[in-house]
């Protein structure tokens, strides 16, 4: 009785899978990590969090400069005056967003940074201040 084409294909796939499995088994035997000493298998972290095989007491540690750790977010805002429109204002949550005229970027603004009462769709001028979460608008004034 003759085998069908699909039956032959299944048998070929099965034989191929069996051969691949045998090759993987042989590869695992030849590249076996068993028998290595603990020293050869130990991995350490360097000062930047990267894996290394050098123990911590032998690593070259760079002393950070004082300015590396300082992140001064309370700097005075830059002298550039930006203009935009208040796109969203959540008065119950005391914050909102201003869409800049030039770049169309949105800038966070807190109600405490308003110099006068402002509502949605009002055109405003403001300074930008760098914060940990991006830029924030300060000294926000309505454009008459």
N, C-alpha and C. Protein backbone atom coordinates (compact mmCIF):
# COMPACT_ATOMS: atom_id res chain seq x y z
N UNK A 1 0.85 -1.17 0.00
CA UNK A 1 0.00 0.00 0.00
C UNK A 1 0.90 1.24 0.00
N UNK A 2 0.58 2.20 -0.82
CA UNK A 2 1.43 3.39 -0.97
C UNK A 2 1.06 4.43 0.08
N UNK A 3 2.13 5.16 0.55
CA UNK A 3 1.91 6.24 1.53
C UNK A 3 1.48 7.49 0.78
N UNK A 4 0.65 8.27 1.43
CA UNK A 4 0.22 9.52 0.81
C UNK A 4 1.32 10.57 0.97
N UNK A 5 1.18 11.64 0.19
CA UNK A 5 2.19 12.71 0.23
C UNK A 5 2.26 13.35 1.61
N UNK A 6 1.10 13.63 2.22
CA UNK A 6 1.09 14.30 3.52
C UNK A 6 1.68 13.40 4.61
N UNK A 7 1.47 12.10 4.49
CA UNK A 7 2.03 11.17 5.47
C UNK A 7 3.55 11.16 5.36
N UNK A 8 4.08 11.18 4.13
CA UNK A 8 5.53 11.23 3.94
C UNK A 8 6.10 12.53 4.51
N UNK A 9 5.40 13.63 4.28
CA UNK A 9 5.85 14.93 4.81
C UNK A 9 5.89 14.91 6.34
N UNK A 10 4.87 14.36 6.97
CA UNK A 10 4.85 14.27 8.43
C UNK A 10 6.01 13.43 8.95
N UNK A 11 6.27 12.33 8.27
CA UNK A 11 7.39 11.47 8.68
C UNK A 11 8.72 12.21 8.51
N UNK A 12 8.88 12.99 7.43
CA UNK A 12 10.10 13.78 7.24
C UNK A 12 10.26 14.81 8.35
N UNK A 13 9.16 15.49 8.70
CA UNK A 13 9.21 16.48 9.78
C UNK A 13 9.58 15.82 11.10
N UNK A 14 9.01 14.69 11.36
CA UNK A 14 9.28 13.97 12.61
C UNK A 14 10.75 13.55 12.67
N UNK A 15 11.29 13.06 11.54
CA UNK A 15 12.69 12.66 11.49
C UNK A 15 13.61 13.87 11.66
N UNK A 16 13.24 14.98 11.03
CA UNK A 16 14.02 16.21 11.16
C UNK A 16 14.03 16.69 12.61
N UNK A 17 12.88 16.66 13.26
CA UNK A 17 12.77 17.08 14.65
C UNK A 17 13.61 16.18 15.55
N UNK A 18 13.58 14.90 15.28
CA UNK A 18 14.37 13.94 16.07
C UNK A 18 15.86 14.20 15.87
N UNK A 19 16.28 14.50 14.64
CA UNK A 19 17.68 14.79 14.35
C UNK A 19 18.11 16.09 15.03
N UNK A 20 17.26 17.12 14.98
CA UNK A 20 17.57 18.39 15.65
C UNK A 20 17.72 18.19 17.15
N UNK A 21 16.86 17.38 17.73
CA UNK A 21 16.92 17.11 19.16
C UNK A 21 18.22 16.41 19.52
N UNK A 22 18.63 15.45 18.69
CA UNK A 22 19.89 14.74 18.94
C UNK A 22 21.09 15.69 18.82
N UNK A 23 21.04 16.61 17.83
CA UNK A 23 22.12 17.59 17.68
C UNK A 23 22.21 18.52 18.88
N UNK A 24 21.06 18.98 19.37
CA UNK A 24 21.05 19.84 20.55
C UNK A 24 21.61 19.11 21.77
N UNK A 25 21.25 17.84 21.91
CA UNK A 25 21.74 17.05 23.04
C UNK A 25 23.26 16.92 22.97
N UNK A 26 23.77 16.66 21.76
CA UNK A 26 25.22 16.52 21.58
C UNK A 26 25.92 17.86 21.84
N UNK A 27 25.31 18.94 21.40
CA UNK A 27 25.88 20.28 21.63
C UNK A 27 25.93 20.60 23.13
N UNK A 28 24.89 20.23 23.85
CA UNK A 28 24.89 20.46 25.30
C UNK A 28 25.98 19.66 25.99
N UNK A 29 26.24 18.47 25.50
CA UNK A 29 27.29 17.63 26.09
C UNK A 29 28.67 18.24 25.86
N UNK A 30 28.89 18.76 24.66
CA UNK A 30 30.22 19.31 24.34
C UNK A 30 30.45 20.67 25.00
N UNK A 31 29.42 21.46 25.14
CA UNK A 31 29.56 22.79 25.74
C UNK A 31 29.06 22.80 27.18
N UNK A 32 29.32 21.78 27.88
CA UNK A 32 28.84 21.64 29.25
C UNK A 32 29.63 22.55 30.18
N UNK A 33 28.91 23.31 31.02
CA UNK A 33 29.55 24.19 31.99
C UNK A 33 29.81 23.48 33.31
N UNK A 34 29.38 22.26 33.43
CA UNK A 34 29.61 21.54 34.68
C UNK A 34 31.10 21.31 34.87
N UNK A 35 31.50 21.36 36.08
CA UNK A 35 32.90 21.12 36.38
C UNK A 35 33.69 22.41 36.52
N UNK A 36 33.07 23.55 36.22
CA UNK A 36 33.76 24.81 36.41
C UNK A 36 33.79 25.14 37.90
N UNK A 37 34.82 25.86 38.29
CA UNK A 37 34.91 26.24 39.69
C UNK A 37 33.97 27.42 39.97
N UNK A 38 33.75 27.69 41.22
CA UNK A 38 32.89 28.78 41.62
C UNK A 38 33.46 30.12 41.15
N UNK A 39 34.78 30.25 41.18
CA UNK A 39 35.43 31.48 40.75
C UNK A 39 35.16 31.77 39.27
N UNK A 40 35.12 30.73 38.44
CA UNK A 40 34.87 30.93 37.02
C UNK A 40 33.42 31.30 36.72
N UNK A 41 32.50 30.91 37.60
CA UNK A 41 31.08 31.17 37.37
C UNK A 41 30.59 32.45 38.05
N UNK A 42 31.39 33.07 38.93
CA UNK A 42 30.96 34.24 39.67
C UNK A 42 31.00 35.49 38.80
N UNK A 43 29.97 36.30 38.93
CA UNK A 43 29.86 37.55 38.18
C UNK A 43 29.58 38.67 39.18
N UNK A 44 30.17 39.85 38.94
CA UNK A 44 30.01 40.99 39.83
C UNK A 44 29.38 42.15 39.07
N UNK A 45 28.93 43.14 39.82
CA UNK A 45 28.41 44.36 39.23
C UNK A 45 29.43 45.47 39.41
N UNK A 46 29.63 46.29 38.37
CA UNK A 46 30.53 47.43 38.51
C UNK A 46 29.73 48.64 39.00
N UNK A 47 30.37 49.80 39.09
CA UNK A 47 29.72 50.99 39.64
C UNK A 47 28.56 51.48 38.79
N UNK A 48 28.53 51.11 37.52
CA UNK A 48 27.45 51.53 36.63
C UNK A 48 26.34 50.50 36.52
N UNK A 49 26.45 49.38 37.24
CA UNK A 49 25.44 48.35 37.20
C UNK A 49 25.63 47.34 36.09
N UNK A 50 26.80 47.33 35.45
CA UNK A 50 27.09 46.38 34.38
C UNK A 50 27.74 45.13 34.97
N UNK A 51 27.52 43.98 34.32
CA UNK A 51 28.12 42.74 34.77
C UNK A 51 29.60 42.69 34.40
N UNK A 52 30.43 42.22 35.33
CA UNK A 52 31.86 42.11 35.10
C UNK A 52 32.40 40.93 35.89
N UNK A 53 33.59 40.43 35.51
CA UNK A 53 34.18 39.32 36.25
C UNK A 53 35.26 39.81 37.22
N UNK A 54 35.43 41.12 37.37
CA UNK A 54 36.42 41.70 38.27
C UNK A 54 35.76 41.91 39.64
N UNK A 55 36.36 41.38 40.71
CA UNK A 55 35.78 41.56 42.05
C UNK A 55 35.74 43.04 42.43
N UNK A 56 34.82 43.43 43.31
CA UNK A 56 34.66 44.84 43.67
C UNK A 56 35.92 45.46 44.26
N UNK A 57 36.70 44.70 45.03
CA UNK A 57 37.89 45.27 45.63
C UNK A 57 39.00 45.54 44.62
N UNK A 58 38.90 44.99 43.41
CA UNK A 58 39.91 45.21 42.38
C UNK A 58 39.42 46.17 41.28
N UNK A 59 38.17 46.61 41.38
CA UNK A 59 37.62 47.50 40.36
C UNK A 59 38.13 48.93 40.57
N UNK A 60 38.31 49.65 39.47
CA UNK A 60 38.67 51.06 39.52
C UNK A 60 37.39 51.85 39.73
N UNK A 61 37.27 52.52 40.86
CA UNK A 61 36.06 53.28 41.16
C UNK A 61 36.36 54.76 41.00
N UNK A 62 35.55 55.39 40.19
CA UNK A 62 35.71 56.81 39.91
C UNK A 62 34.96 57.59 40.99
N UNK A 63 35.63 58.56 41.57
CA UNK A 63 34.99 59.43 42.56
C UNK A 63 34.14 60.45 41.82
N UNK A 64 32.84 60.51 42.11
CA UNK A 64 31.99 61.45 41.39
C UNK A 64 32.27 62.88 41.82
N UNK A 65 32.19 63.77 40.87
CA UNK A 65 32.34 65.19 41.17
C UNK A 65 31.08 65.67 41.87
N UNK A 66 31.21 66.72 42.63
CA UNK A 66 30.07 67.24 43.40
C UNK A 66 28.91 67.63 42.49
N UNK A 67 29.20 68.19 41.32
CA UNK A 67 28.12 68.62 40.44
C UNK A 67 27.40 67.47 39.75
N UNK A 68 27.95 66.25 39.79
CA UNK A 68 27.28 65.11 39.18
C UNK A 68 25.99 64.77 39.90
N UNK A 69 25.96 64.96 41.22
CA UNK A 69 24.80 64.56 42.00
C UNK A 69 23.76 65.66 42.14
N UNK A 70 24.15 66.88 41.88
CA UNK A 70 23.22 67.99 42.03
C UNK A 70 22.35 68.10 40.80
N UNK A 71 21.07 68.17 41.04
CA UNK A 71 20.12 68.45 39.98
C UNK A 71 19.30 69.63 40.47
N UNK A 72 19.69 70.80 40.09
CA UNK A 72 19.06 72.00 40.59
C UNK A 72 17.87 72.35 39.71
N UNK A 73 16.68 71.95 40.17
CA UNK A 73 15.47 72.23 39.41
C UNK A 73 14.82 73.53 39.85
N UNK A 74 15.36 74.17 40.90
CA UNK A 74 14.80 75.41 41.36
C UNK A 74 15.54 76.60 40.77
N UNK A 75 16.21 76.39 39.65
CA UNK A 75 16.91 77.47 38.98
C UNK A 75 15.91 78.53 38.53
N UNK A 76 16.41 79.72 38.36
CA UNK A 76 15.56 80.76 37.81
C UNK A 76 15.23 80.39 36.36
N UNK A 77 14.02 80.70 35.91
CA UNK A 77 13.67 80.36 34.53
C UNK A 77 14.53 81.14 33.55
N UNK A 78 14.68 80.59 32.35
CA UNK A 78 15.47 81.32 31.35
C UNK A 78 14.72 82.59 30.94
N UNK A 79 15.39 83.48 30.23
CA UNK A 79 14.85 84.80 29.93
C UNK A 79 13.88 84.81 28.75
N UNK A 80 13.65 83.66 28.13
CA UNK A 80 12.78 83.62 26.97
C UNK A 80 11.32 83.65 27.41
N UNK A 81 10.57 84.56 26.84
CA UNK A 81 9.14 84.63 27.13
C UNK A 81 8.41 83.85 26.05
N UNK A 82 7.60 82.90 26.47
CA UNK A 82 6.84 82.06 25.55
C UNK A 82 5.39 82.53 25.56
N UNK A 83 4.71 82.28 24.47
CA UNK A 83 3.28 82.59 24.39
C UNK A 83 2.54 81.33 24.00
N UNK A 84 1.27 81.30 24.37
CA UNK A 84 0.46 80.14 24.04
C UNK A 84 -0.97 80.32 24.48
N UNK A 85 -1.73 79.22 24.39
CA UNK A 85 -3.12 79.25 24.77
C UNK A 85 -3.37 78.16 25.81
N UNK A 86 -4.15 78.47 26.81
CA UNK A 86 -4.50 77.49 27.84
C UNK A 86 -5.43 76.48 27.19
N UNK A 87 -4.94 75.24 27.01
CA UNK A 87 -5.74 74.25 26.30
C UNK A 87 -6.62 73.44 27.24
N UNK A 88 -6.11 73.12 28.42
CA UNK A 88 -6.89 72.38 29.41
C UNK A 88 -6.66 73.03 30.76
N UNK A 89 -7.71 73.18 31.54
CA UNK A 89 -7.56 73.75 32.87
C UNK A 89 -8.50 73.01 33.81
N UNK A 90 -7.92 72.32 34.75
CA UNK A 90 -8.70 71.58 35.74
C UNK A 90 -8.72 72.41 37.02
N UNK A 91 -9.74 73.26 37.16
CA UNK A 91 -9.78 74.16 38.32
C UNK A 91 -9.99 73.40 39.61
N UNK A 92 -10.69 72.27 39.55
CA UNK A 92 -10.90 71.49 40.78
C UNK A 92 -9.62 70.80 41.22
N UNK A 93 -8.68 70.58 40.31
CA UNK A 93 -7.40 69.92 40.65
C UNK A 93 -6.23 70.90 40.66
N UNK A 94 -6.49 72.16 40.33
CA UNK A 94 -5.49 73.24 40.39
C UNK A 94 -4.32 73.07 39.43
N UNK A 95 -4.54 72.51 38.27
CA UNK A 95 -3.48 72.48 37.27
C UNK A 95 -4.09 72.48 35.87
N UNK A 96 -3.22 72.68 34.89
CA UNK A 96 -3.69 72.69 33.52
C UNK A 96 -2.52 72.57 32.56
N UNK A 97 -2.78 72.82 31.29
CA UNK A 97 -1.76 72.71 30.25
C UNK A 97 -1.89 73.88 29.29
N UNK A 98 -0.74 74.36 28.85
CA UNK A 98 -0.68 75.45 27.89
C UNK A 98 -0.05 74.90 26.61
N UNK A 99 -0.66 75.19 25.46
CA UNK A 99 -0.09 74.81 24.17
C UNK A 99 0.72 75.98 23.64
N UNK A 100 2.01 75.77 23.44
CA UNK A 100 2.89 76.84 22.94
C UNK A 100 2.52 77.20 21.51
N UNK A 101 2.70 78.49 21.18
CA UNK A 101 2.39 78.95 19.82
C UNK A 101 3.40 78.42 18.81
N UNK A 102 4.68 78.53 19.09
CA UNK A 102 5.71 78.18 18.11
C UNK A 102 5.84 76.69 17.89
N UNK A 103 5.98 75.91 18.96
CA UNK A 103 6.29 74.49 18.80
C UNK A 103 5.09 73.57 18.94
N UNK A 104 3.96 74.08 19.38
CA UNK A 104 2.76 73.28 19.62
C UNK A 104 2.98 72.22 20.71
N UNK A 105 4.01 72.38 21.54
CA UNK A 105 4.22 71.49 22.68
C UNK A 105 3.30 71.91 23.81
N UNK A 106 2.92 70.96 24.65
CA UNK A 106 2.12 71.29 25.82
C UNK A 106 3.03 71.42 27.02
N UNK A 107 2.75 72.41 27.86
CA UNK A 107 3.54 72.70 29.04
C UNK A 107 2.61 72.65 30.24
N UNK A 108 3.02 71.95 31.29
CA UNK A 108 2.25 71.85 32.51
C UNK A 108 2.24 73.19 33.23
N UNK A 109 1.13 73.54 33.87
CA UNK A 109 1.06 74.77 34.66
C UNK A 109 0.22 74.50 35.90
N UNK A 110 0.68 75.02 37.03
CA UNK A 110 -0.08 74.92 38.28
C UNK A 110 -0.75 76.25 38.53
N UNK A 111 -1.93 76.23 39.13
CA UNK A 111 -2.71 77.45 39.36
C UNK A 111 -1.92 78.45 40.21
N UNK A 112 -1.04 77.98 41.07
CA UNK A 112 -0.26 78.89 41.92
C UNK A 112 0.71 79.75 41.11
N UNK A 113 0.99 79.38 39.87
CA UNK A 113 1.92 80.13 39.01
C UNK A 113 1.22 81.21 38.19
N UNK A 114 -0.11 81.33 38.33
CA UNK A 114 -0.84 82.37 37.63
C UNK A 114 -0.63 83.70 38.35
N UNK A 115 -0.42 84.76 37.58
CA UNK A 115 -0.31 86.10 38.14
C UNK A 115 -1.69 86.77 38.25
N UNK A 116 -2.67 86.28 37.51
CA UNK A 116 -4.03 86.81 37.52
C UNK A 116 -4.96 85.66 37.15
N UNK A 117 -6.26 85.81 37.41
CA UNK A 117 -7.21 84.72 37.07
C UNK A 117 -7.20 84.42 35.56
N UNK A 118 -7.11 83.15 35.23
CA UNK A 118 -7.03 82.71 33.84
C UNK A 118 -8.02 81.57 33.63
N UNK A 119 -8.60 81.53 32.42
CA UNK A 119 -9.55 80.48 32.07
C UNK A 119 -9.07 79.75 30.83
N UNK A 120 -9.77 78.68 30.47
CA UNK A 120 -9.43 77.94 29.25
C UNK A 120 -9.61 78.86 28.04
N UNK A 121 -8.81 78.60 27.01
CA UNK A 121 -8.81 79.34 25.74
C UNK A 121 -8.24 80.74 25.85
N UNK A 122 -7.72 81.12 27.02
CA UNK A 122 -7.08 82.42 27.16
C UNK A 122 -5.67 82.37 26.57
N UNK A 123 -5.25 83.46 25.92
CA UNK A 123 -3.88 83.56 25.42
C UNK A 123 -3.03 84.09 26.55
N UNK A 124 -1.86 83.44 26.77
CA UNK A 124 -1.01 83.78 27.91
C UNK A 124 0.44 83.90 27.48
N UNK A 125 1.22 84.60 28.31
CA UNK A 125 2.68 84.62 28.16
C UNK A 125 3.25 84.01 29.43
N UNK A 126 4.40 83.33 29.32
CA UNK A 126 4.94 82.62 30.48
C UNK A 126 6.43 82.34 30.27
N UNK A 127 7.08 81.97 31.34
CA UNK A 127 8.45 81.47 31.30
C UNK A 127 8.39 79.97 31.53
N UNK A 128 9.38 79.24 31.02
CA UNK A 128 9.45 77.79 31.26
C UNK A 128 10.54 77.49 32.26
N UNK A 129 10.26 76.54 33.15
CA UNK A 129 11.23 76.10 34.15
C UNK A 129 11.36 74.59 34.05
N UNK A 130 12.59 74.08 34.05
CA UNK A 130 12.84 72.64 33.97
C UNK A 130 12.51 71.99 35.30
N UNK A 131 11.73 70.92 35.28
CA UNK A 131 11.38 70.16 36.48
C UNK A 131 11.75 68.71 36.26
N UNK A 132 11.67 67.88 37.29
CA UNK A 132 11.99 66.45 37.09
C UNK A 132 11.10 65.75 36.06
N UNK A 133 9.89 66.26 35.86
CA UNK A 133 8.96 65.62 34.92
C UNK A 133 8.86 66.34 33.59
N UNK A 134 9.73 67.29 33.33
CA UNK A 134 9.67 68.03 32.08
C UNK A 134 9.65 69.52 32.36
N UNK A 135 8.98 70.29 31.50
CA UNK A 135 8.91 71.73 31.68
C UNK A 135 7.60 72.11 32.34
N UNK A 136 7.68 73.19 33.13
CA UNK A 136 6.51 73.73 33.79
C UNK A 136 6.47 75.22 33.53
N UNK A 137 5.29 75.78 33.37
CA UNK A 137 5.14 77.21 33.12
C UNK A 137 5.11 77.97 34.44
N UNK A 138 5.80 79.11 34.48
CA UNK A 138 5.80 79.97 35.65
C UNK A 138 5.56 81.41 35.19
N UNK A 139 5.14 82.26 36.14
CA UNK A 139 4.85 83.66 35.85
C UNK A 139 3.87 83.78 34.67
N UNK A 140 2.78 83.08 34.76
CA UNK A 140 1.79 83.04 33.67
C UNK A 140 0.91 84.28 33.75
N UNK A 141 0.87 85.05 32.64
CA UNK A 141 0.07 86.28 32.56
C UNK A 141 -0.81 86.21 31.34
N UNK A 142 -2.01 86.75 31.48
CA UNK A 142 -2.95 86.81 30.36
C UNK A 142 -2.50 87.90 29.40
N UNK A 143 -2.57 87.61 28.11
CA UNK A 143 -2.25 88.62 27.08
C UNK A 143 -3.55 89.33 26.77
N UNK A 144 -3.51 90.63 26.87
CA UNK A 144 -4.73 91.45 26.64
C UNK A 144 -5.03 91.56 25.17
